Amino acid sequence: MAPVTNSLTKTAAPERSLVQRMEALNKANEIRTRRAQLKRDLKSGRMSIHKLLLEPPAWIETAKVLDMLLAVPKYGRVKANKILTQCRISPSKTIGGLSERQRAELVQMLRRR
């Protein structure tokens, strides 16, 4: 008899070697460290949220837009959510996932405030 295949059968992700897991962990730690420094730079004014949104480095593209807005002085959760709603951007949207329209509209809205 042939083995029964089920349409719900899932294939497991391939096993990673210890070296691959350690490389992924090191990369994740580096990104977290860089993001933490970026948030400190946003908070102190050394980095502009406009520049970050218009020219995001590759390592920041998976960060949530809301998290970056919250790092900017005078932007709390209520104001940041209001701006994202006005620009029709989901609070879970990542910087890399912004469309050109969303990116331009968000920067324009932030420059007004």
C-alpha atoms as a PDB file:
ATOM      1  CA  MET A   1       0.000   0.000   0.000  1.00  0.00           C
ATOM      2  CA  ALA A   2       1.095   3.499  -0.745  1.00  0.00           C
ATOM      3  CA  PRO A   3       1.554   5.856   2.208  1.00  0.00           C
ATOM      4  CA  VAL A   4      -1.451   8.058   2.884  1.00  0.00           C
ATOM      5  CA  THR A   5      -0.750  11.724   2.203  1.00  0.00           C
ATOM      6  CA  ASN A   6      -2.785  14.328   3.896  1.00  0.00           C
ATOM      7  CA  SER A   7      -3.288  17.813   2.480  1.00  0.00           C
ATOM      8  CA  LEU A   8      -2.712  19.131   6.001  1.00  0.00           C
ATOM      9  CA  THR A   9       0.727  17.552   6.253  1.00  0.00           C
ATOM     10  CA  LYS A  10       3.311  20.251   6.842  1.00  0.00           C
ATOM     11  CA  THR A  11       6.919  20.084   5.847  1.00  0.00           C
ATOM     12  CA  ALA A  12       9.350  21.016   8.549  1.00  0.00           C
ATOM     13  CA  ALA A  13      11.914  23.739   8.040  1.00  0.00           C
ATOM     14  CA  PRO A  14      15.351  22.349   7.354  1.00  0.00           C
ATOM     15  CA  GLU A  15      17.559  21.927  10.368  1.00  0.00           C
ATOM     16  CA  ARG A  16      20.195  24.614  10.840  1.00  0.00           C
ATOM     17  CA  SER A  17      23.694  23.801  11.858  1.00  0.00           C
ATOM     18  CA  LEU A  18      25.157  25.267  15.027  1.00  0.00           C
ATOM     19  CA  VAL A  19      27.269  27.635  12.928  1.00  0.00           C
ATOM     20  CA  GLN A  20      24.198  28.873  11.026  1.00  0.00           C
ATOM     21  CA  ARG A  21      22.274  29.393  14.273  1.00  0.00           C
ATOM     22  CA  MET A  22      25.177  31.309  15.827  1.00  0.00           C
ATOM     23  CA  GLU A  23      25.522  33.512  12.722  1.00  0.00           C
ATOM     24  CA  ALA A  24      21.782  34.300  12.818  1.00  0.00           C
ATOM     25  CA  LEU A  25      21.986  35.084  16.542  1.00  0.00           C
ATOM     26  CA  ASN A  26      24.979  37.389  16.045  1.00  0.00           C
ATOM     27  CA  LYS A  27      23.235  39.184  13.199  1.00  0.00           C
ATOM     28  CA  ALA A  28      20.063  39.640  15.263  1.00  0.00           C
ATOM     29  CA  ASN A  29      22.068  40.974  18.217  1.00  0.00           C
ATOM     30  CA  GLU A  30      23.895  43.446  15.969  1.00  0.00           C
ATOM     31  CA  ILE A  31      20.611  44.707  14.501  1.00  0.00           C
ATOM     32  CA  ARG A  32      19.079  45.113  17.981  1.00  0.00           C
ATOM     33  CA  THR A  33      22.133  47.071  19.140  1.00  0.00           C
ATOM     34  CA  ARG A  34      22.043  49.340  16.080  1.00  0.00           C
ATOM     35  CA  ARG A  35      18.300  49.953  16.496  1.00  0.00           C
ATOM     36  CA  ALA A  36      18.740  50.826  20.160  1.00  0.00           C
ATOM     37  CA  GLN A  37      21.433  53.361  19.218  1.00  0.00           C
ATOM     38  CA  LEU A  38      19.214  54.742  16.457  1.00  0.00           C
ATOM     39  CA  LYS A  39      16.365  55.244  18.937  1.00  0.00           C
ATOM     40  CA  ARG A  40      18.746  57.099  21.269  1.00  0.00           C
ATOM     41  CA  ASP A  41      19.860  59.255  18.316  1.00  0.00           C
ATOM     42  CA  LEU A  42      16.233  60.018  17.395  1.00  0.00           C
ATOM     43  CA  LYS A  43      15.453  60.920  20.997  1.00  0.00           C
ATOM     44  CA  SER A  44      18.454  63.261  21.291  1.00  0.00           C
ATOM     45  CA  GLY A  45      17.881  64.885  17.892  1.00  0.00           C
ATOM     46  CA  ARG A  46      21.138  63.603  16.373  1.00  0.00           C
ATOM     47  CA  MET A  47      19.067  61.740  13.752  1.00  0.00           C
ATOM     48  CA  SER A  48      16.043  63.009  11.853  1.00  0.00           C
ATOM     49  CA  ILE A  49      12.956  60.818  11.496  1.00  0.00           C
ATOM     50  CA  HIS A  50      12.459  62.368   8.034  1.00  0.00           C
ATOM     51  CA  LYS A  51      15.866  61.208   6.822  1.00  0.00           C
ATOM     52  CA  LEU A  52      15.322  57.784   8.357  1.00  0.00           C
ATOM     53  CA  LEU A  53      12.010  57.336   6.526  1.00  0.00           C
ATOM     54  CA  LEU A  54      13.263  58.685   3.191  1.00  0.00           C
ATOM     55  CA  GLU A  55      16.596  56.817   3.176  1.00  0.00           C
ATOM     56  CA  PRO A  56      16.300  53.828   5.511  1.00  0.00           C
ATOM     57  CA  PRO A  57      19.393  51.666   5.956  1.00  0.00           C
ATOM     58  CA  ALA A  58      18.821  47.996   5.146  1.00  0.00           C
ATOM     59  CA  TRP A  59      19.089  46.893   8.786  1.00  0.00           C
ATOM     60  CA  ILE A  60      16.156  49.107   9.842  1.00  0.00           C
ATOM     61  CA  GLU A  61      13.655  48.005   7.177  1.00  0.00           C
ATOM     62  CA  THR A  62      12.089  45.325   9.389  1.00  0.00           C
ATOM     63  CA  ALA A  63      11.498  47.767  12.279  1.00  0.00           C
ATOM     64  CA  LYS A  64       7.960  48.978  12.878  1.00  0.00           C
ATOM     65  CA  VAL A  65       7.220  52.572  11.909  1.00  0.00           C
ATOM     66  CA  LEU A  66       5.309  53.058  15.163  1.00  0.00           C
ATOM     67  CA  ASP A  67       8.360  52.064  17.246  1.00  0.00           C
ATOM     68  CA  MET A  68      10.535  54.603  15.445  1.00  0.00           C
ATOM     69  CA  LEU A  69       7.924  57.355  15.875  1.00  0.00           C
ATOM     70  CA  LEU A  70       7.706  56.619  19.590  1.00  0.00           C
ATOM     71  CA  ALA A  71      11.457  57.258  19.892  1.00  0.00           C
ATOM     72  CA  VAL A  72      11.010  60.830  18.631  1.00  0.00           C
ATOM     73  CA  PRO A  73      10.514  63.483  21.358  1.00  0.00           C
ATOM     74  CA  LYS A  74       6.945  64.806  21.718  1.00  0.00           C
ATOM     75  CA  TYR A  75       5.475  61.747  19.966  1.00  0.00           C
ATOM     76  CA  GLY A  76       3.591  59.495  22.321  1.00  0.00           C
ATOM     77  CA  ARG A  77       1.420  56.540  21.488  1.00  0.00           C
ATOM     78  CA  VAL A  78      -1.731  58.632  20.911  1.00  0.00           C
ATOM     79  CA  LYS A  79      -0.119  61.190  18.590  1.00  0.00           C
ATOM     80  CA  ALA A  80       1.849  58.538  16.683  1.00  0.00           C
ATOM     81  CA  ASN A  81      -1.265  56.389  16.170  1.00  0.00           C
ATOM     82  CA  LYS A  82      -3.257  59.439  15.049  1.00  0.00           C
ATOM     83  CA  ILE A  83      -0.614  60.309  12.428  1.00  0.00           C
ATOM     84  CA  LEU A  84      -0.460  56.713  11.160  1.00  0.00           C
ATOM     85  CA  THR A  85      -4.264  56.600  10.928  1.00  0.00           C
ATOM     86  CA  GLN A  86      -4.355  59.865   8.955  1.00  0.00           C
ATOM     87  CA  CYS A  87      -1.760  58.453   6.545  1.00  0.00           C
ATOM     88  CA  ARG A  88      -3.659  55.126   6.304  1.00  0.00           C
ATOM     89  CA  ILE A  89      -0.726  53.169   7.704  1.00  0.00           C
ATOM     90  CA  SER A  90      -1.204  50.156   9.945  1.00  0.00           C
ATOM     91  CA  PRO A  91       0.566  50.365  13.338  1.00  0.00           C
ATOM     92  CA  SER A  92       2.222  47.031  12.521  1.00  0.00           C
ATOM     93  CA  LYS A  93       3.685  48.290   9.212  1.00  0.00           C
ATOM     94  CA  THR A  94       7.464  48.056   8.882  1.00  0.00           C
ATOM     95  CA  ILE A  95       9.657  50.789   7.452  1.00  0.00           C
ATOM     96  CA  GLY A  96      10.602  48.570   4.525  1.00  0.00           C
ATOM     97  CA  GLY A  97       6.941  47.764   3.896  1.00  0.00           C
ATOM     98  CA  LEU A  98       5.869  51.370   3.342  1.00  0.00           C
ATOM     99  CA  SER A  99       4.716  52.237  -0.156  1.00  0.00           C
ATOM    100  CA  GLU A 100       6.083  55.373  -1.796  1.00  0.00           C
ATOM    101  CA  ARG A 101       2.745  57.113  -1.193  1.00  0.00           C
ATOM    102  CA  GLN A 102       2.717  56.169   2.475  1.00  0.00           C
ATOM    103  CA  ARG A 103       6.357  57.189   2.938  1.00  0.00           C
ATOM    104  CA  ALA A 104       5.848  60.595   1.263  1.00  0.00           C
ATOM    105  CA  GLU A 105       2.578  61.283   3.081  1.00  0.00           C
ATOM    106  CA  LEU A 106       4.080  60.347   6.452  1.00  0.00           C
ATOM    107  CA  VAL A 107       7.127  62.572   5.988  1.00  0.00           C
ATOM    108  CA  GLN A 108       4.917  65.454   4.859  1.00  0.00           C
ATOM    109  CA  MET A 109       2.671  64.989   7.908  1.00  0.00           C
ATOM    110  CA  LEU A 110       5.654  64.878  10.278  1.00  0.00           C
ATOM    111  CA  ARG A 111       7.167  68.040   8.792  1.00  0.00           C
ATOM    112  CA  ARG A 112       3.941  69.935   9.514  1.00  0.00           C
ATOM    113  CA  ARG A 113       4.078  69.193  13.229  1.00  0.00           C
END
